[in-house]
Structure formats: C-alpha cells, structure tokens
C-alpha cells in the first residue's frame, strides 16, 4: 500500500516513514510545498495534516488526487499517534 503524507513536521519525516514501514506501507512525505506537488503519483491513501498545511497546499494535493481512487484521511494534529490511528483504520493493522 502506498501512502502520501501532506503536512506534518519536517523533523518527523523519518519517523513518519518508519511508522508506515511497520504497517507495510511505502510513504512519501511532503512537509511543505515543493514544486507544486505534481509528483504525488497514485497513492492508496492520502493523509492531510491540516494544522501544519496551508489551504493552497491542501487544494493542490486534493486536485492531484481528484479522479483517482484515493482514500483521503484528514487529521488536525500531526503527531505519531494520529498517524498510527489513521494507519490502523486504513490498513490491515500492521
């Protein structure tokens, strides 16, 4: 399963990826706007950490996911426990 995480803390990128690996997921993490986010691909799950992201970045990510069969999970907090609960809900449980 592939996961794209939009937002979050830059210093937590490695931890986000390691947690996704525990749930047998490949992760791309975009903690800030980079190049218009045209390369998010076709993930199975799009995670939006809404408290650390601009509205423009959310719209850009949602436009990239539009028309594809992508599940979208939004979380106001960008903590590891928030990501863990999202992964528990959307995967087979690790």
PDB file of N, CA and C in Angstrom:
ATOM      1  N   UNK A   1       0.847  -1.172   0.000  1.00  0.00           N
ATOM      2  CA  UNK A   1       0.000   0.000   0.000  1.00  0.00           C
ATOM      3  C   UNK A   1       0.895   1.238   0.000  1.00  0.00           C
ATOM      4  N   UNK A   2       0.528   2.234  -0.772  1.00  0.00           N
ATOM      5  CA  UNK A   2       1.307   3.470  -0.822  1.00  0.00           C
ATOM      6  C   UNK A   2       0.545   4.588  -0.119  1.00  0.00           C
ATOM      7  N   UNK A   3       1.295   5.392   0.619  1.00  0.00           N
ATOM      8  CA  UNK A   3       0.724   6.472   1.416  1.00  0.00           C
ATOM      9  C   UNK A   3       1.462   7.761   1.073  1.00  0.00           C
ATOM     10  N   UNK A   4       0.709   8.837   0.877  1.00  0.00           N
ATOM     11  CA  UNK A   4       1.299  10.162   0.730  1.00  0.00           C
ATOM     12  C   UNK A   4       0.835  10.991   1.912  1.00  0.00           C
ATOM     13  N   UNK A   5       1.800  11.564   2.625  1.00  0.00           N
ATOM     14  CA  UNK A   5       1.506  12.399   3.785  1.00  0.00           C
ATOM     15  C   UNK A   5       1.804  13.839   3.416  1.00  0.00           C
ATOM     16  N   UNK A   6       0.802  14.700   3.549  1.00  0.00           N
ATOM     17  CA  UNK A   6       0.956  16.117   3.229  1.00  0.00           C
ATOM     18  C   UNK A   6       0.873  16.892   4.535  1.00  0.00           C
ATOM     19  N   UNK A   7       1.931  17.634   4.831  1.00  0.00           N
ATOM     20  CA  UNK A   7       1.985  18.392   6.072  1.00  0.00           C
ATOM     21  C   UNK A   7       2.828  17.673   7.102  1.00  0.00           C
ATOM     22  N   UNK A   8       2.629  18.037   8.335  1.00  0.00           N
ATOM     23  CA  UNK A   8       3.419  17.446   9.402  1.00  0.00           C
ATOM     24  C   UNK A   8       4.655  18.266   9.686  1.00  0.00           C
ATOM     25  N   UNK A   9       5.465  17.763  10.576  1.00  0.00           N
ATOM     26  CA  UNK A   9       6.689  18.452  10.972  1.00  0.00           C
ATOM     27  C   UNK A   9       7.861  17.934  10.154  1.00  0.00           C
ATOM     28  N   UNK A  10       8.702  18.854   9.680  1.00  0.00           N
ATOM     29  CA  UNK A  10       9.857  18.454   8.878  1.00  0.00           C
ATOM     30  C   UNK A  10      10.792  17.529   9.643  1.00  0.00           C
ATOM     31  N   UNK A  11      10.936  17.750  10.938  1.00  0.00           N
ATOM     32  CA  UNK A  11      11.847  16.929  11.725  1.00  0.00           C
ATOM     33  C   UNK A  11      11.299  15.523  11.977  1.00  0.00           C
ATOM     34  N   UNK A  12      10.038  15.288  11.644  1.00  0.00           N
ATOM     35  CA  UNK A  12       9.411  13.984  11.884  1.00  0.00           C
ATOM     36  C   UNK A  12       9.300  13.129  10.630  1.00  0.00           C
ATOM     37  N   UNK A  13       9.838  13.576   9.511  1.00  0.00           N
ATOM     38  CA  UNK A  13       9.681  12.862   8.239  1.00  0.00           C
ATOM     39  C   UNK A  13      10.171  11.423   8.356  1.00  0.00           C
ATOM     40  N   UNK A  14      11.356  11.236   8.935  1.00  0.00           N
ATOM     41  CA  UNK A  14      11.905   9.888   9.063  1.00  0.00           C
ATOM     42  C   UNK A  14      11.007   9.002   9.926  1.00  0.00           C
ATOM     43  N   UNK A  15      10.475   9.548  11.022  1.00  0.00           N
ATOM     44  CA  UNK A  15       9.601   8.778  11.906  1.00  0.00           C
ATOM     45  C   UNK A  15       8.296   8.409  11.207  1.00  0.00           C
ATOM     46  N   UNK A  16       7.740   9.335  10.408  1.00  0.00           N
ATOM     47  CA  UNK A  16       6.526   9.028   9.651  1.00  0.00           C
ATOM     48  C   UNK A  16       6.779   7.849   8.713  1.00  0.00           C
ATOM     49  N   UNK A  17       7.901   7.890   7.998  1.00  0.00           N
ATOM     50  CA  UNK A  17       8.222   6.822   7.050  1.00  0.00           C
ATOM     51  C   UNK A  17       8.442   5.491   7.760  1.00  0.00           C
ATOM     52  N   UNK A  18       9.119   5.508   8.913  1.00  0.00           N
ATOM     53  CA  UNK A  18       9.363   4.278   9.665  1.00  0.00           C
ATOM     54  C   UNK A  18       8.061   3.676  10.183  1.00  0.00           C
ATOM     55  N   UNK A  19       7.146   4.523  10.639  1.00  0.00           N
ATOM     56  CA  UNK A  19       5.857   4.019  11.115  1.00  0.00           C
ATOM     57  C   UNK A  19       5.073   3.403   9.964  1.00  0.00           C
ATOM     58  N   UNK A  20       5.104   4.046   8.810  1.00  0.00           N
ATOM     59  CA  UNK A  20       4.407   3.480   7.651  1.00  0.00           C
ATOM     60  C   UNK A  20       5.018   2.144   7.257  1.00  0.00           C
ATOM     61  N   UNK A  21       6.328   2.025   7.379  1.00  0.00           N
ATOM     62  CA  UNK A  21       7.003   0.770   7.048  1.00  0.00           C
ATOM     63  C   UNK A  21       6.545  -0.359   7.974  1.00  0.00           C
ATOM     64  N   UNK A  22       6.281  -0.033   9.253  1.00  0.00           N
ATOM     65  CA  UNK A  22       5.771  -1.027  10.200  1.00  0.00           C
ATOM     66  C   UNK A  22       4.414  -1.569   9.755  1.00  0.00           C
ATOM     67  N   UNK A  23       3.648  -0.750   9.051  1.00  0.00           N
ATOM     68  CA  UNK A  23       2.337  -1.162   8.547  1.00  0.00           C
ATOM     69  C   UNK A  23       2.415  -1.643   7.102  1.00  0.00           C
ATOM     70  N   UNK A  24       3.629  -1.942   6.645  1.00  0.00           N
ATOM     71  CA  UNK A  24       3.877  -2.465   5.292  1.00  0.00           C
ATOM     72  C   UNK A  24       3.389  -1.494   4.212  1.00  0.00           C
ATOM     73  N   UNK A  25       3.642  -0.215   4.444  1.00  0.00           N
ATOM     74  CA  UNK A  25       3.262   0.830   3.503  1.00  0.00           C
ATOM     75  C   UNK A  25       4.504   1.578   3.031  1.00  0.00           C
ATOM     76  N   UNK A  26       4.491   1.974   1.765  1.00  0.00           N
ATOM     77  CA  UNK A  26       5.523   2.872   1.251  1.00  0.00           C
ATOM     78  C   UNK A  26       5.005   4.288   1.422  1.00  0.00           C
ATOM     79  N   UNK A  27       5.843   5.184   1.902  1.00  0.00           N
ATOM     80  CA  UNK A  27       5.379   6.533   2.193  1.00  0.00           C
ATOM     81  C   UNK A  27       6.200   7.593   1.483  1.00  0.00           C
ATOM     82  N   UNK A  28       5.498   8.610   0.993  1.00  0.00           N
ATOM     83  CA  UNK A  28       6.103   9.856   0.534  1.00  0.00           C
ATOM     84  C   UNK A  28       5.584  10.925   1.480  1.00  0.00           C
ATOM     85  N   UNK A  29       6.481  11.785   1.933  1.00  0.00           N
ATOM     86  CA  UNK A  29       6.087  12.822   2.889  1.00  0.00           C
ATOM     87  C   UNK A  29       6.427  14.185   2.307  1.00  0.00           C
ATOM     88  N   UNK A  30       5.447  15.067   2.286  1.00  0.00           N
ATOM     89  CA  UNK A  30       5.616  16.442   1.813  1.00  0.00           C
ATOM     90  C   UNK A  30       5.303  17.386   2.963  1.00  0.00           C
ATOM     91  N   UNK A  31       6.293  17.741   3.793  1.00  0.00           N
ATOM     92  CA  UNK A  31       6.005  18.626   4.926  1.00  0.00           C
ATOM     93  C   UNK A  31       5.784  20.076   4.511  1.00  0.00           C
ATOM     94  N   UNK A  32       6.236  20.453   3.327  1.00  0.00           N
ATOM     95  CA  UNK A  32       5.991  21.813   2.839  1.00  0.00           C
ATOM     96  C   UNK A  32       5.839  21.786   1.328  1.00  0.00           C
ATOM     97  N   UNK A  33       5.321  22.882   0.797  1.00  0.00           N
ATOM     98  CA  UNK A  33       5.060  23.000  -0.633  1.00  0.00           C
ATOM     99  C   UNK A  33       6.366  22.882  -1.408  1.00  0.00           C
ATOM    100  N   UNK A  34       6.395  21.955  -2.369  1.00  0.00           N
ATOM    101  CA  UNK A  34       7.621  21.782  -3.154  1.00  0.00           C
ATOM    102  C   UNK A  34       7.253  21.478  -4.596  1.00  0.00           C
ATOM    103  N   UNK A  35       7.517  22.420  -5.465  1.00  0.00           N
ATOM    104  CA  UNK A  35       7.304  22.195  -6.891  1.00  0.00           C
ATOM    105  C   UNK A  35       5.866  21.959  -7.292  1.00  0.00           C
ATOM    106  N   UNK A  36       4.920  22.465  -6.543  1.00  0.00           N
ATOM    107  CA  UNK A  36       3.522  22.308  -6.905  1.00  0.00           C
ATOM    108  C   UNK A  36       2.962  20.921  -6.637  1.00  0.00           C
ATOM    109  N   UNK A  37       3.763  20.035  -6.071  1.00  0.00           N
ATOM    110  CA  UNK A  37       3.332  18.680  -5.705  1.00  0.00           C
ATOM    111  C   UNK A  37       2.777  17.910  -6.893  1.00  0.00           C
ATOM    112  N   UNK A  38       3.379  18.042  -8.044  1.00  0.00           N
ATOM    113  CA  UNK A  38       2.901  17.352  -9.241  1.00  0.00           C
ATOM    114  C   UNK A  38       3.324  15.884  -9.277  1.00  0.00           C
ATOM    115  N   UNK A  39       4.148  15.452  -8.340  1.00  0.00           N
ATOM    116  CA  UNK A  39       4.675  14.097  -8.391  1.00  0.00           C
ATOM    117  C   UNK A  39       4.184  13.209  -7.249  1.00  0.00           C
ATOM    118  N   UNK A  40       2.962  13.432  -6.768  1.00  0.00           N
ATOM    119  CA  UNK A  40       2.484  12.571  -5.688  1.00  0.00           C
ATOM    120  C   UNK A  40       2.077  11.199  -6.212  1.00  0.00           C
ATOM    121  N   UNK A  41       1.855  11.075  -7.507  1.00  0.00           N
ATOM    122  CA  UNK A  41       1.544   9.773  -8.081  1.00  0.00           C
ATOM    123  C   UNK A  41       0.119   9.349  -7.809  1.00  0.00           C
ATOM    124  N   UNK A  42      -0.074   8.044  -7.678  1.00  0.00           N
ATOM    125  CA  UNK A  42      -1.406   7.497  -7.407  1.00  0.00           C
ATOM    126  C   UNK A  42      -1.362   6.667  -6.125  1.00  0.00           C
ATOM    127  N   UNK A  43      -1.404   7.336  -4.982  1.00  0.00           N
ATOM    128  CA  UNK A  43      -1.334   6.608  -3.708  1.00  0.00           C
ATOM    129  C   UNK A  43      -2.656   5.919  -3.385  1.00  0.00           C
ATOM    130  N   UNK A  44      -2.582   4.944  -2.494  1.00  0.00           N
ATOM    131  CA  UNK A  44      -3.796   4.302  -1.991  1.00  0.00           C
ATOM    132  C   UNK A  44      -4.457   5.144  -0.905  1.00  0.00           C
ATOM    133  N   UNK A  45      -3.633   5.902  -0.175  1.00  0.00           N
ATOM    134  CA  UNK A  45      -4.126   6.719   0.933  1.00  0.00           C
ATOM    135  C   UNK A  45      -3.408   8.064   0.936  1.00  0.00           C
ATOM    136  N   UNK A  46      -4.177   9.137   1.046  1.00  0.00           N
ATOM    137  CA  UNK A  46      -3.634  10.488   1.154  1.00  0.00           C
ATOM    138  C   UNK A  46      -3.948  11.003   2.553  1.00  0.00           C
ATOM    139  N   UNK A  47      -2.905  11.289   3.330  1.00  0.00           N
ATOM    140  CA  UNK A  47      -3.071  11.783   4.690  1.00  0.00           C
ATOM    141  C   UNK A  47      -2.778  13.276   4.696  1.00  0.00           C
ATOM    142  N   UNK A  48      -3.735  14.067   5.176  1.00  0.00           N
ATOM    143  CA  UNK A  48      -3.576  15.518   5.256  1.00  0.00           C
ATOM    144  C   UNK A  48      -3.514  15.929   6.722  1.00  0.00           C
ATOM    145  N   UNK A  49      -2.374  16.453   7.142  1.00  0.00           N
ATOM    146  CA  UNK A  49      -2.244  17.016   8.483  1.00  0.00           C
ATOM    147  C   UNK A  49      -2.605  18.489   8.365  1.00  0.00           C
ATOM    148  N   UNK A  50      -3.858  18.813   8.646  1.00  0.00           N
ATOM    149  CA  UNK A  50      -4.407  20.126   8.314  1.00  0.00           C
ATOM    150  C   UNK A  50      -3.883  21.269   9.170  1.00  0.00           C
ATOM    151  N   UNK A  51      -3.362  21.008  10.349  1.00  0.00           N
ATOM    152  CA  UNK A  51      -2.901  22.117  11.191  1.00  0.00           C
ATOM    153  C   UNK A  51      -1.564  22.686  10.735  1.00  0.00           C
ATOM    154  N   UNK A  52      -0.782  21.912   9.999  1.00  0.00           N
ATOM    155  CA  UNK A  52       0.549  22.366   9.601  1.00  0.00           C
ATOM    156  C   UNK A  52       0.657  22.624   8.102  1.00  0.00           C
ATOM    157  N   UNK A  53      -0.485  22.773   7.437  1.00  0.00           N
ATOM    158  CA  UNK A  53      -0.506  22.904   5.983  1.00  0.00           C
ATOM    159  C   UNK A  53      -1.316  24.134   5.588  1.00  0.00           C
ATOM    160  N   UNK A  54      -0.865  24.810   4.545  1.00  0.00           N
ATOM    161  CA  UNK A  54      -1.634  25.944   4.033  1.00  0.00           C
ATOM    162  C   UNK A  54      -2.836  25.433   3.243  1.00  0.00           C
ATOM    163  N   UNK A  55      -3.824  26.278   3.101  1.00  0.00           N
ATOM    164  CA  UNK A  55      -5.006  25.912   2.318  1.00  0.00           C
ATOM    165  C   UNK A  55      -4.615  25.626   0.874  1.00  0.00           C
ATOM    166  N   UNK A  56      -3.678  26.373   0.362  1.00  0.00           N
ATOM    167  CA  UNK A  56      -3.217  26.178  -1.016  1.00  0.00           C
ATOM    168  C   UNK A  56      -2.617  24.789  -1.202  1.00  0.00           C
ATOM    169  N   UNK A  57      -1.839  24.352  -0.224  1.00  0.00           N
ATOM    170  CA  UNK A  57      -1.214  23.028  -0.314  1.00  0.00           C
ATOM    171  C   UNK A  57      -2.262  21.915  -0.243  1.00  0.00           C
ATOM    172  N   UNK A  58      -3.281  22.089   0.588  1.00  0.00           N
ATOM    173  CA  UNK A  58      -4.365  21.103   0.672  1.00  0.00           C
ATOM    174  C   UNK A  58      -5.105  21.029  -0.653  1.00  0.00           C
ATOM    175  N   UNK A  59      -5.439  22.190  -1.223  1.00  0.00           N
ATOM    176  CA  UNK A  59      -6.142  22.200  -2.512  1.00  0.00           C
ATOM    177  C   UNK A  59      -5.310  21.539  -3.600  1.00  0.00           C
ATOM    178  N   UNK A  60      -4.020  21.816  -3.613  1.00  0.00           N
ATOM    179  CA  UNK A  60      -3.117  21.247  -4.606  1.00  0.00           C
ATOM    180  C   UNK A  60      -3.079  19.722  -4.487  1.00  0.00           C
ATOM    181  N   UNK A  61      -2.970  19.216  -3.261  1.00  0.00           N
ATOM    182  CA  UNK A  61      -2.935  17.768  -3.042  1.00  0.00           C
ATOM    183  C   UNK A  61      -4.260  17.122  -3.442  1.00  0.00           C
ATOM    184  N   UNK A  62      -5.373  17.772  -3.105  1.00  0.00           N
ATOM    185  CA  UNK A  62      -6.680  17.213  -3.449  1.00  0.00           C
ATOM    186  C   UNK A  62      -6.911  17.232  -4.959  1.00  0.00           C
ATOM    187  N   UNK A  63      -6.411  18.264  -5.649  1.00  0.00           N
ATOM    188  CA  UNK A  63      -6.526  18.314  -7.112  1.00  0.00           C
ATOM    189  C   UNK A  63      -5.732  17.191  -7.763  1.00  0.00           C
ATOM    190  N   UNK A  64      -4.562  16.882  -7.221  1.00  0.00           N
ATOM    191  CA  UNK A  64      -3.755  15.787  -7.759  1.00  0.00           C
ATOM    192  C   UNK A  64      -4.450  14.439  -7.554  1.00  0.00           C
ATOM    193  N   UNK A  65      -5.185  14.307  -6.456  1.00  0.00           N
ATOM    194  CA  UNK A  65      -5.857  13.044  -6.146  1.00  0.00           C
ATOM    195  C   UNK A  65      -7.222  12.920  -6.825  1.00  0.00           C
ATOM    196  N   UNK A  66      -7.730  14.033  -7.357  1.00  0.00           N
ATOM    197  CA  UNK A  66      -9.059  14.028  -7.967  1.00  0.00           C
ATOM    198  C   UNK A  66      -9.103  13.083  -9.169  1.00  0.00           C
ATOM    199  N   UNK A  67     -10.167  12.329  -9.281  1.00  0.00           N
ATOM    200  CA  UNK A  67     -10.338  11.426 -10.410  1.00  0.00           C
ATOM    201  C   UNK A  67      -9.656  10.081 -10.236  1.00  0.00           C
ATOM    202  N   UNK A  68      -8.934   9.920  -9.153  1.00  0.00           N
ATOM    203  CA  UNK A  68      -8.281   8.652  -8.860  1.00  0.00           C
ATOM    204  C   UNK A  68      -8.998   8.019  -7.678  1.00  0.00           C
ATOM    205  N   UNK A  69      -8.821   6.735  -7.528  1.00  0.00           N
ATOM    206  CA  UNK A  69      -9.446   6.032  -6.409  1.00  0.00           C
ATOM    207  C   UNK A  69      -8.522   6.128  -5.195  1.00  0.00           C
ATOM    208  N   UNK A  70      -8.507   7.310  -4.567  1.00  0.00           N
ATOM    209  CA  UNK A  70      -7.620   7.573  -3.439  1.00  0.00           C
ATOM    210  C   UNK A  70      -8.454   7.828  -2.202  1.00  0.00           C
ATOM    211  N   UNK A  71      -8.154   7.098  -1.120  1.00  0.00           N
ATOM    212  CA  UNK A  71      -8.806   7.375   0.158  1.00  0.00           C
ATOM    213  C   UNK A  71      -8.094   8.564   0.794  1.00  0.00           C
ATOM    214  N   UNK A  72      -8.865   9.465   1.383  1.00  0.00           N
ATOM    215  CA  UNK A  72      -8.305  10.673   1.982  1.00  0.00           C
ATOM    216  C   UNK A  72      -8.618  10.673   3.470  1.00  0.00           C
ATOM    217  N   UNK A  73      -7.573  10.860   4.267  1.00  0.00           N
ATOM    218  CA  UNK A  73      -7.727  10.949   5.723  1.00  0.00           C
ATOM    219  C   UNK A  73      -7.196  12.303   6.165  1.00  0.00           C
ATOM    220  N   UNK A  74      -8.001  13.017   6.946  1.00  0.00           N
ATOM    221  CA  UNK A  74      -7.588  14.328   7.452  1.00  0.00           C
ATOM    222  C   UNK A  74      -7.422  14.242   8.961  1.00  0.00           C
ATOM    223  N   UNK A  75      -6.379  14.888   9.443  1.00  0.00           N
ATOM    224  CA  UNK A  75      -6.143  14.931  10.880  1.00  0.00           C
ATOM    225  C   UNK A  75      -5.682  16.330  11.243  1.00  0.00           C
ATOM    226  N   UNK A  76      -6.232  16.866  12.313  1.00  0.00           N
ATOM    227  CA  UNK A  76      -5.831  18.211  12.716  1.00  0.00           C
ATOM    228  C   UNK A  76      -4.444  18.194  13.354  1.00  0.00           C
ATOM    229  N   UNK A  77      -4.100  17.110  14.024  1.00  0.00           N
ATOM    230  CA  UNK A  77      -2.779  17.023  14.647  1.00  0.00           C
ATOM    231  C   UNK A  77      -1.844  16.219  13.749  1.00  0.00           C
ATOM    232  N   UNK A  78      -0.562  16.515  13.857  1.00  0.00           N
ATOM    233  CA  UNK A  78       0.423  15.816  13.040  1.00  0.00           C
ATOM    234  C   UNK A  78       1.313  14.926  13.901  1.00  0.00           C
ATOM    235  N   UNK A  79       0.736  14.344  14.947  1.00  0.00           N
ATOM    236  CA  UNK A  79       1.505  13.512  15.864  1.00  0.00           C
ATOM    237  C   UNK A  79       1.645  12.088  15.331  1.00  0.00           C
ATOM    238  N   UNK A  80       2.562  11.362  15.926  1.00  0.00           N
ATOM    239  CA  UNK A  80       2.756   9.961  15.549  1.00  0.00           C
ATOM    240  C   UNK A  80       1.517   9.137  15.904  1.00  0.00           C
ATOM    241  N   UNK A  81       0.885   9.446  17.029  1.00  0.00           N
ATOM    242  CA  UNK A  81      -0.299   8.678  17.418  1.00  0.00           C
ATOM    243  C   UNK A  81      -1.463   8.939  16.462  1.00  0.00           C
ATOM    244  N   UNK A  82      -1.554  10.153  15.923  1.00  0.00           N
ATOM    245  CA  UNK A  82      -2.600  10.445  14.943  1.00  0.00           C
ATOM    246  C   UNK A  82      -2.361   9.641  13.668  1.00  0.00           C
ATOM    247  N   UNK A  83      -1.107   9.606  13.217  1.00  0.00           N
ATOM    248  CA  UNK A  83      -0.784   8.823  12.026  1.00  0.00           C
ATOM    249  C   UNK A  83      -1.003   7.341  12.276  1.00  0.00           C
ATOM    250  N   UNK A  84      -0.645   6.877  13.469  1.00  0.00           N
ATOM    251  CA  UNK A  84      -0.827   5.461  13.806  1.00  0.00           C
ATOM    252  C   UNK A  84      -2.306   5.076  13.761  1.00  0.00           C
ATOM    253  N   UNK A  85      -3.179   5.936  14.296  1.00  0.00           N
ATOM    254  CA  UNK A  85      -4.613   5.617  14.288  1.00  0.00           C
ATOM    255  C   UNK A  85      -5.167   5.635  12.864  1.00  0.00           C
ATOM    256  N   UNK A  86      -4.660   6.524  12.011  1.00  0.00           N
ATOM    257  CA  UNK A  86      -5.086   6.550  10.610  1.00  0.00           C
ATOM    258  C   UNK A  86      -4.654   5.267   9.910  1.00  0.00           C
ATOM    259  N   UNK A  87      -3.416   4.855  10.139  1.00  0.00           N
ATOM    260  CA  UNK A  87      -2.927   3.629   9.508  1.00  0.00           C
ATOM    261  C   UNK A  87      -3.667   2.400  10.036  1.00  0.00           C
ATOM    262  N   UNK A  88      -3.982   2.376  11.337  1.00  0.00           N
ATOM    263  CA  UNK A  88      -4.765   1.270  11.903  1.00  0.00           C
ATOM    264  C   UNK A  88      -6.118   1.168  11.200  1.00  0.00           C
ATOM    265  N   UNK A  89      -6.725   2.308  10.958  1.00  0.00           N
ATOM    266  CA  UNK A  89      -8.057   2.339  10.339  1.00  0.00           C
ATOM    267  C   UNK A  89      -8.027   1.914   8.877  1.00  0.00           C
ATOM    268  N   UNK A  90      -6.989   2.313   8.138  1.00  0.00           N
ATOM    269  CA  UNK A  90      -6.972   2.108   6.691  1.00  0.00           C
ATOM    270  C   UNK A  90      -6.139   0.932   6.213  1.00  0.00           C
ATOM    271  N   UNK A  91      -5.417   0.253   7.108  1.00  0.00           N
ATOM    272  CA  UNK A  91      -4.656  -0.929   6.710  1.00  0.00           C
ATOM    273  C   UNK A  91      -5.161  -2.131   7.473  1.00  0.00           C
ATOM    274  N   UNK A  92      -4.513  -3.249   7.239  1.00  0.00           N
ATOM    275  CA  UNK A  92      -4.916  -4.487   7.912  1.00  0.00           C
ATOM    276  C   UNK A  92      -4.435  -4.542   9.355  1.00  0.00           C
ATOM    277  N   UNK A  93      -3.818  -3.486   9.841  1.00  0.00           N
ATOM    278  CA  UNK A  93      -3.423  -3.442  11.244  1.00  0.00           C
ATOM    279  C   UNK A  93      -1.949  -3.683  11.488  1.00  0.00           C
ATOM    280  N   UNK A  94      -1.174  -3.732  10.423  1.00  0.00           N
ATOM    281  CA  UNK A  94       0.265  -3.871  10.600  1.00  0.00           C
ATOM    282  C   UNK A  94       0.674  -5.217  10.826  1.00  0.00           C
TER     283      UNK A  94
END
